Amino acid sequence: MPVTLKPLESYRDDFTFRNSPEAIARFPFPFPEDQYMYSVNIEPATPGAPGSIYEHWFDIDEHYRSETTERAKVLQKDPQRCIVMPHMHEACWDTLEVIMTHLAADYPELFRLTRDGDQWTWENHVQDIRQSFTFGDADTLPYEPLEYIGRQVQGDFALLDQRDNDLFMDAGIVTGPADWSLAFDAGMSFKQWHSPVPMAHELGVFDRALKYLLNIQVDRPVRRLNWTMTINPRLDTSSETFHEWGRERGMVTPENVGRLVHLRVELQFMARLARSNALMFSIRTYLISLEELVTNPAWAQRLHRVLRDLPQALADYKGLSRYRQTVVDWLRQYDPEAAA
């Protein structure tokens, strides 16, 4: 199904980002039940229905121009959003190959890849790019391979080196994180970078998740959904820019809650890389305002119940505490049982 790309919108300053009705319909609403508890919730990443976010390995949607433009702005201001440790160069070429191969196969109207041995030509029709290069030779690209392809695909990427029965975040390009920092987490083990998450450690969630991830095989990717909330449609809610967005949590009122508060859902996709044996961990972020979300009555009702009953420790961890009650009060009107 061909992708219809929207004109450029912004994830900062005037915040012109909006979802079309089609984007709302395919939004990955993350709650299968009326209550939420942190869990592993990993499943095989089998191809989904045509047009869904699960159809392909890498989802390209109407916001492609806007999101890649936002990434370029972040990287220009802070080059440390792309970090590669010396032993991860092969994994970066692995990642470039996987992304180019899938984009060209899944979106032939947007991308094309021609290979003749190690002489490759990559075409990105949206960004007007035609680049011939030698696979494995970074000097033949304008950027290092991870940054080069990362600038042309939606979502963040962390590359995890597997050693000593653990996973280490030793490379990545991360310009739109949900209140974390690649520069801070780089080199950490799986449990170290997840250490701030409440309750999950006591439940043994990360022990089970790590065991599962260590055994992922090539061509057997897995996925899961994660969620939080963001004020304004702001992609870059990194620790480094907290001074720019943290204060916005105090701006929510009963009058503006539907416009300002956004549900932020991450489609986390994990695939084994064939050459390097590293694990590619992609984080594809979707944003939807509450005004857009409540156009689906079932979503509105369920989100009211999830947020109303969310354990306080999880609300604090996700940064919702300052405005959660305002959101719950506003959503109550969409829950027939609560509004009665």
Protein backbone atom coordinates (compact mmCIF):
# COMPACT_ATOMS: atom_id res chain seq x y z
CA MET A 1 0.00 0.00 0.00
CA PRO A 2 1.67 3.29 -1.09
CA VAL A 3 2.41 5.79 1.67
CA THR A 4 0.86 9.26 1.44
CA LEU A 5 3.39 11.71 2.89
CA LYS A 6 2.22 14.90 4.55
CA PRO A 7 3.94 18.27 4.09
CA LEU A 8 6.47 19.28 6.71
CA GLU A 9 5.14 19.64 10.28
CA SER A 10 6.99 20.53 13.49
CA TYR A 11 7.70 18.68 16.75
CA ARG A 12 8.91 21.87 18.47
CA ASP A 13 8.21 25.61 18.76
CA ASP A 14 4.79 26.01 17.09
CA PHE A 15 3.99 22.24 17.25
CA THR A 16 2.07 21.91 13.97
CA PHE A 17 2.17 18.07 14.12
CA ARG A 18 -1.28 16.49 13.64
CA ASN A 19 -2.52 13.01 12.73
CA SER A 20 -4.81 12.41 9.78
CA PRO A 21 -7.86 10.18 10.33
CA GLU A 22 -5.90 7.39 8.62
CA ALA A 23 -2.98 7.80 11.06
CA ILE A 24 -5.38 7.77 14.01
CA ALA A 25 -6.98 4.55 12.75
CA ARG A 26 -3.59 2.76 12.61
CA PHE A 27 -2.28 4.16 15.89
CA PRO A 28 -0.90 1.40 18.16
CA PHE A 29 -3.19 1.74 21.16
CA PRO A 30 -1.23 -0.17 23.82
CA PHE A 31 -3.83 -1.31 26.35
CA PRO A 32 -5.49 -4.71 25.87
CA GLU A 33 -7.20 -4.46 29.27
CA ASP A 34 -8.67 -1.82 31.59
CA GLN A 35 -5.69 -2.11 33.95
CA TYR A 36 -1.99 -1.79 33.20
CA MET A 37 0.94 -3.54 34.84
CA TYR A 38 4.53 -3.52 33.59
CA SER A 39 5.25 -6.85 31.87
CA VAL A 40 7.55 -8.42 29.30
CA ASN A 41 4.77 -8.48 26.63
CA ILE A 42 7.19 -9.59 23.90
CA GLU A 43 5.79 -11.37 20.85
CA PRO A 44 7.17 -12.66 17.54
CA ALA A 45 7.26 -9.84 14.99
CA THR A 46 5.20 -11.62 12.37
CA PRO A 47 3.96 -9.49 9.44
CA GLY A 48 0.73 -7.69 10.25
CA ALA A 49 -2.24 -6.65 8.15
CA PRO A 50 -1.60 -4.52 5.05
CA GLY A 51 -1.47 -0.86 6.02
CA SER A 52 -0.89 -1.59 9.71
CA ILE A 53 2.20 -0.53 11.64
CA TYR A 54 3.11 -4.22 11.84
CA GLU A 55 3.12 -4.85 8.09
CA HIS A 56 6.87 -4.27 7.63
CA TRP A 57 10.01 -4.34 9.75
CA PHE A 58 10.32 -0.55 9.49
CA ASP A 59 7.16 1.53 9.37
CA ILE A 60 7.19 4.58 7.12
CA ASP A 61 4.12 6.76 7.56
CA GLU A 62 2.72 10.17 6.69
CA HIS A 63 5.11 11.94 9.11
CA TYR A 64 8.31 10.74 7.38
CA ARG A 65 9.39 14.19 6.15
CA SER A 66 8.70 15.81 9.51
CA GLU A 67 10.42 13.17 11.61
CA THR A 68 13.60 12.97 9.53
CA THR A 69 13.80 16.77 9.47
CA GLU A 70 13.48 16.81 13.27
CA ARG A 71 16.27 14.22 13.54
CA ALA A 72 18.59 16.37 11.43
CA LYS A 73 17.93 19.37 13.70
CA VAL A 74 18.73 17.38 16.83
CA LEU A 75 21.94 15.93 15.38
CA GLN A 76 23.10 19.35 14.22
CA LYS A 77 22.68 20.71 17.73
CA ASP A 78 23.99 17.62 19.56
CA PRO A 79 26.16 15.18 17.56
CA GLN A 80 26.41 12.96 20.68
CA ARG A 81 22.94 11.64 19.86
CA CYS A 82 24.79 9.19 17.61
CA ILE A 83 27.43 7.12 19.43
CA VAL A 84 29.36 4.14 18.10
CA MET A 85 32.01 2.31 20.11
CA PRO A 86 34.93 0.99 18.02
CA HIS A 87 33.93 -2.67 18.25
CA MET A 88 30.45 -1.91 16.87
CA HIS A 89 31.37 -0.81 13.33
CA GLU A 90 30.39 -4.17 11.82
CA ALA A 91 27.03 -3.97 13.59
CA CYS A 92 26.50 -0.52 12.04
CA TRP A 93 27.07 -1.88 8.54
CA ASP A 94 24.77 -4.76 9.45
CA THR A 95 22.10 -2.23 10.39
CA LEU A 96 22.56 -0.21 7.22
CA GLU A 97 22.13 -3.36 5.13
CA VAL A 98 19.03 -4.51 6.98
CA ILE A 99 17.32 -1.12 6.80
CA MET A 100 18.17 -0.44 3.16
CA THR A 101 17.12 -3.93 2.09
CA HIS A 102 13.76 -3.76 3.82
CA LEU A 103 12.94 -0.18 2.85
CA ALA A 104 13.70 -0.85 -0.81
CA ALA A 105 11.61 -4.05 -0.81
CA ASP A 106 8.68 -2.67 1.20
CA TYR A 107 8.47 0.89 -0.17
CA PRO A 108 9.73 0.68 -3.79
CA GLU A 109 8.03 3.96 -4.65
CA LEU A 110 10.21 5.75 -2.07
CA PHE A 111 13.53 3.83 -1.97
CA ARG A 112 15.75 1.80 -4.27
CA LEU A 113 18.87 -0.27 -3.60
CA THR A 114 21.17 -1.58 -6.34
CA ARG A 115 24.01 -3.96 -5.42
CA ASP A 116 26.95 -5.17 -7.48
CA GLY A 117 29.22 -7.03 -5.09
CA ASP A 118 30.38 -4.45 -2.56
CA GLN A 119 29.46 -1.56 -4.88
CA TRP A 120 26.05 -0.29 -3.81
CA THR A 121 23.81 2.55 -4.95
CA TRP A 122 21.11 3.84 -2.63
CA GLU A 123 18.26 6.07 -3.76
CA ASN A 124 15.90 7.93 -1.45
CA HIS A 125 13.33 9.64 -3.66
CA VAL A 126 11.77 11.64 -0.81
CA GLN A 127 15.06 13.25 0.24
CA ASP A 128 16.38 13.41 -3.35
CA ILE A 129 19.42 11.24 -2.50
CA ARG A 130 21.36 9.06 -4.89
CA GLN A 131 24.49 7.72 -3.21
CA SER A 132 26.96 5.21 -4.65
CA PHE A 133 29.32 3.72 -2.06
CA THR A 134 31.47 0.74 -1.21
CA PHE A 135 29.85 -1.45 1.41
CA GLY A 136 32.17 -1.65 4.41
CA ASP A 137 34.11 1.53 3.55
CA ALA A 138 32.85 4.46 5.63
CA ASP A 139 34.96 6.92 3.64
CA THR A 140 32.60 6.45 0.69
CA LEU A 141 29.61 7.80 2.67
CA PRO A 142 28.98 11.37 3.88
CA TYR A 143 28.38 10.05 7.42
CA GLU A 144 29.30 6.92 9.35
CA PRO A 145 26.94 4.08 8.26
CA LEU A 146 24.63 4.14 11.30
CA GLU A 147 24.15 7.89 11.13
CA TYR A 148 23.80 7.83 7.34
CA ILE A 149 20.89 5.41 7.29
CA GLY A 150 19.54 6.60 10.65
CA ARG A 151 18.91 10.04 9.15
CA GLN A 152 16.65 8.41 6.55
CA VAL A 153 14.39 6.20 8.63
CA GLN A 154 11.80 6.91 11.31
CA GLY A 155 12.51 5.81 14.86
CA ASP A 156 15.55 5.55 17.11
CA PHE A 157 18.05 2.70 17.06
CA ALA A 158 20.22 1.16 19.77
CA LEU A 159 22.70 -1.57 18.86
CA LEU A 160 23.31 -4.05 21.65
CA ASP A 161 26.50 -6.06 21.84
CA GLN A 162 25.94 -9.55 23.27
CA ARG A 163 28.69 -10.88 25.56
CA ASP A 164 29.00 -12.49 29.00
CA ASN A 165 25.32 -13.55 28.87
CA ASP A 166 24.25 -9.93 28.78
CA LEU A 167 23.44 -7.11 26.36
CA PHE A 168 25.34 -3.81 26.31
CA MET A 169 24.18 -0.58 24.67
CA ASP A 170 27.37 0.10 22.74
CA ALA A 171 26.03 2.04 19.74
CA GLY A 172 22.95 3.98 18.76
CA ILE A 173 21.28 6.92 17.09
CA VAL A 174 18.68 8.32 19.47
CA THR A 175 17.14 11.74 18.82
CA GLY A 176 13.63 11.23 20.22
CA PRO A 177 13.91 9.38 23.53
CA ALA A 178 11.27 9.35 26.27
CA ASP A 179 13.21 10.94 29.13
CA TRP A 180 16.52 9.08 28.81
CA SER A 181 19.92 9.71 27.31
CA LEU A 182 22.01 7.61 24.94
CA ALA A 183 25.16 9.41 26.09
CA PHE A 184 24.39 8.42 29.69
CA ASP A 185 23.32 4.83 28.95
CA ALA A 186 26.05 4.03 26.42
CA GLY A 187 28.08 1.03 27.60
CA MET A 188 25.54 -0.01 30.23
CA SER A 189 24.22 -3.56 30.55
CA PHE A 190 20.57 -4.46 30.03
CA LYS A 191 19.63 -4.31 33.72
CA GLN A 192 21.70 -1.18 34.33
CA TRP A 193 19.85 0.95 31.79
CA HIS A 194 16.51 -0.41 33.02
CA SER A 195 17.33 0.18 36.69
CA PRO A 196 15.00 3.22 37.10
CA VAL A 197 11.89 1.18 36.23
CA PRO A 198 9.83 0.54 39.39
CA MET A 199 8.12 -2.75 40.29
CA ALA A 200 9.44 -4.68 37.28
CA HIS A 201 12.60 -5.81 39.07
CA GLU A 202 10.63 -7.21 41.99
CA LEU A 203 8.40 -9.09 39.55
CA GLY A 204 11.39 -10.58 37.72
CA VAL A 205 10.33 -8.95 34.45
CA PHE A 206 13.85 -8.08 33.31
CA ASP A 207 15.31 -11.48 34.16
CA ARG A 208 12.76 -13.09 31.86
CA ALA A 209 13.13 -10.43 29.18
CA LEU A 210 16.93 -10.70 29.08
CA LYS A 211 16.80 -14.49 28.81
CA TYR A 212 14.34 -14.16 25.93
CA LEU A 213 16.37 -11.52 24.07
CA LEU A 214 19.65 -13.40 24.35
CA ASN A 215 18.08 -16.25 22.39
CA ILE A 216 16.65 -14.24 19.48
CA GLN A 217 17.68 -15.83 16.19
CA VAL A 218 18.43 -14.23 12.82
CA ASP A 219 15.21 -13.61 10.85
CA ARG A 220 13.12 -14.25 13.99
CA PRO A 221 12.57 -10.68 15.26
CA VAL A 222 10.33 -9.82 18.19
CA ARG A 223 8.41 -6.72 19.23
CA ARG A 224 6.57 -5.09 22.09
CA LEU A 225 4.72 -1.87 22.83
CA ASN A 226 5.73 0.59 25.53
CA TRP A 227 3.97 3.81 26.46
CA THR A 228 4.14 7.07 28.37
CA MET A 229 2.64 10.54 27.93
CA THR A 230 4.13 13.76 26.58
CA ILE A 231 3.03 17.37 26.73
CA ASN A 232 2.81 18.76 23.20
CA PRO A 233 3.77 16.58 20.23
CA ARG A 234 7.44 16.76 21.17
CA LEU A 235 9.68 13.93 19.97
CA ASP A 236 12.89 15.00 21.69
CA THR A 237 12.13 14.52 25.37
CA SER A 238 15.70 13.54 26.17
CA SER A 239 17.36 14.03 29.54
CA GLU A 240 19.64 16.60 27.88
CA THR A 241 16.69 18.82 26.94
CA PHE A 242 14.67 18.47 30.15
CA HIS A 243 15.10 22.20 30.75
CA GLU A 244 13.12 22.80 27.55
CA TRP A 245 10.19 20.45 28.14
CA GLY A 246 10.04 19.55 31.84
CA ARG A 247 8.17 22.72 32.81
CA GLU A 248 5.42 21.91 30.29
CA ARG A 249 4.08 19.27 32.67
CA GLY A 250 2.83 22.14 34.82
CA MET A 251 0.96 23.81 31.96
CA VAL A 252 -1.93 21.32 31.73
CA THR A 253 -5.37 22.69 32.62
CA PRO A 254 -8.94 21.36 32.22
CA GLU A 255 -9.27 23.72 29.24
CA ASN A 256 -6.17 22.65 27.29
CA VAL A 257 -5.70 19.02 28.38
CA GLY A 258 -7.15 17.52 25.20
CA ARG A 259 -4.84 19.55 23.00
CA LEU A 260 -1.63 19.46 25.05
CA VAL A 261 -1.47 15.93 26.46
CA HIS A 262 -0.33 13.22 24.05
CA LEU A 263 -0.21 9.47 24.46
CA ARG A 264 3.27 8.40 23.37
CA VAL A 265 3.61 4.79 22.24
CA GLU A 266 6.83 3.06 21.26
CA LEU A 267 6.87 0.07 18.94
CA GLN A 268 10.05 -1.63 20.12
CA PHE A 269 11.42 -4.04 17.50
CA MET A 270 14.38 -6.35 18.18
CA ALA A 271 16.23 -8.28 15.47
CA ARG A 272 19.44 -10.31 15.44
CA LEU A 273 22.06 -8.99 12.99
CA ALA A 274 23.60 -11.74 10.88
CA ARG A 275 27.25 -10.64 10.54
CA SER A 276 27.96 -9.12 13.94
CA ASN A 277 25.49 -11.11 16.10
CA ALA A 278 24.51 -7.79 17.70
CA LEU A 279 20.87 -7.11 18.57
CA MET A 280 19.24 -4.21 16.75
CA PHE A 281 16.73 -2.49 19.02
CA SER A 282 14.56 -0.01 17.15
CA ILE A 283 12.19 2.34 18.94
CA ARG A 284 9.50 3.73 16.66
CA THR A 285 7.52 6.46 18.43
CA TYR A 286 3.89 7.35 17.69
CA LEU A 287 2.17 10.40 19.17
CA ILE A 288 -1.55 11.12 19.45
CA SER A 289 -3.28 13.98 21.25
CA LEU A 290 -6.14 13.18 23.61
CA GLU A 291 -8.44 15.14 21.30
CA GLU A 292 -7.51 12.75 18.49
CA LEU A 293 -7.59 9.66 20.71
CA VAL A 294 -11.13 10.21 21.98
CA THR A 295 -12.48 10.01 18.43
CA ASN A 296 -12.30 6.29 19.21
CA PRO A 297 -14.79 5.84 22.11
CA ALA A 298 -13.38 2.47 23.19
CA TRP A 299 -9.88 3.94 23.51
CA ALA A 300 -11.18 6.91 25.49
CA GLN A 301 -13.02 4.68 27.97
CA ARG A 302 -10.08 2.33 28.45
CA LEU A 303 -7.47 5.07 28.83
CA HIS A 304 -9.61 6.65 31.55
CA ARG A 305 -9.65 3.40 33.51
CA VAL A 306 -5.95 2.66 33.00
CA LEU A 307 -4.81 6.09 34.19
CA ARG A 308 -7.31 6.21 37.04
CA ASP A 309 -6.04 2.93 38.48
CA LEU A 310 -2.35 3.19 37.55
CA PRO A 311 -0.06 2.42 40.52
CA GLN A 312 1.46 5.63 41.85
CA ALA A 313 5.02 4.33 41.43
CA LEU A 314 4.45 3.83 37.70
CA ALA A 315 2.78 7.24 37.37
CA ASP A 316 5.81 8.84 39.03
CA TYR A 317 8.26 6.92 36.84
CA LYS A 318 6.43 7.92 33.66
CA GLY A 319 6.31 11.56 34.76
CA LEU A 320 2.51 11.75 34.82
CA SER A 321 1.92 12.73 38.43
CA ARG A 322 1.58 16.50 37.99
CA TYR A 323 -1.23 16.24 35.46
CA ARG A 324 -2.64 12.72 35.75
CA GLN A 325 -5.71 13.76 37.77
CA THR A 326 -6.52 16.48 35.25
CA VAL A 327 -6.39 13.91 32.45
CA VAL A 328 -8.49 11.39 34.39
CA ASP A 329 -11.11 14.03 35.19
CA TRP A 330 -11.30 15.09 31.54
CA LEU A 331 -11.53 11.50 30.26
CA ARG A 332 -14.29 10.63 32.72
CA GLN A 333 -16.87 12.12 30.35
CA TYR A 334 -15.97 9.41 27.81
CA ASP A 335 -16.45 6.50 30.23
CA PRO A 336 -20.18 5.70 30.46
CA GLU A 337 -19.86 3.95 33.84
CA ALA A 338 -17.89 6.81 35.43
CA ALA A 339 -19.92 9.61 33.88
CA ALA A 340 -23.26 8.15 34.96
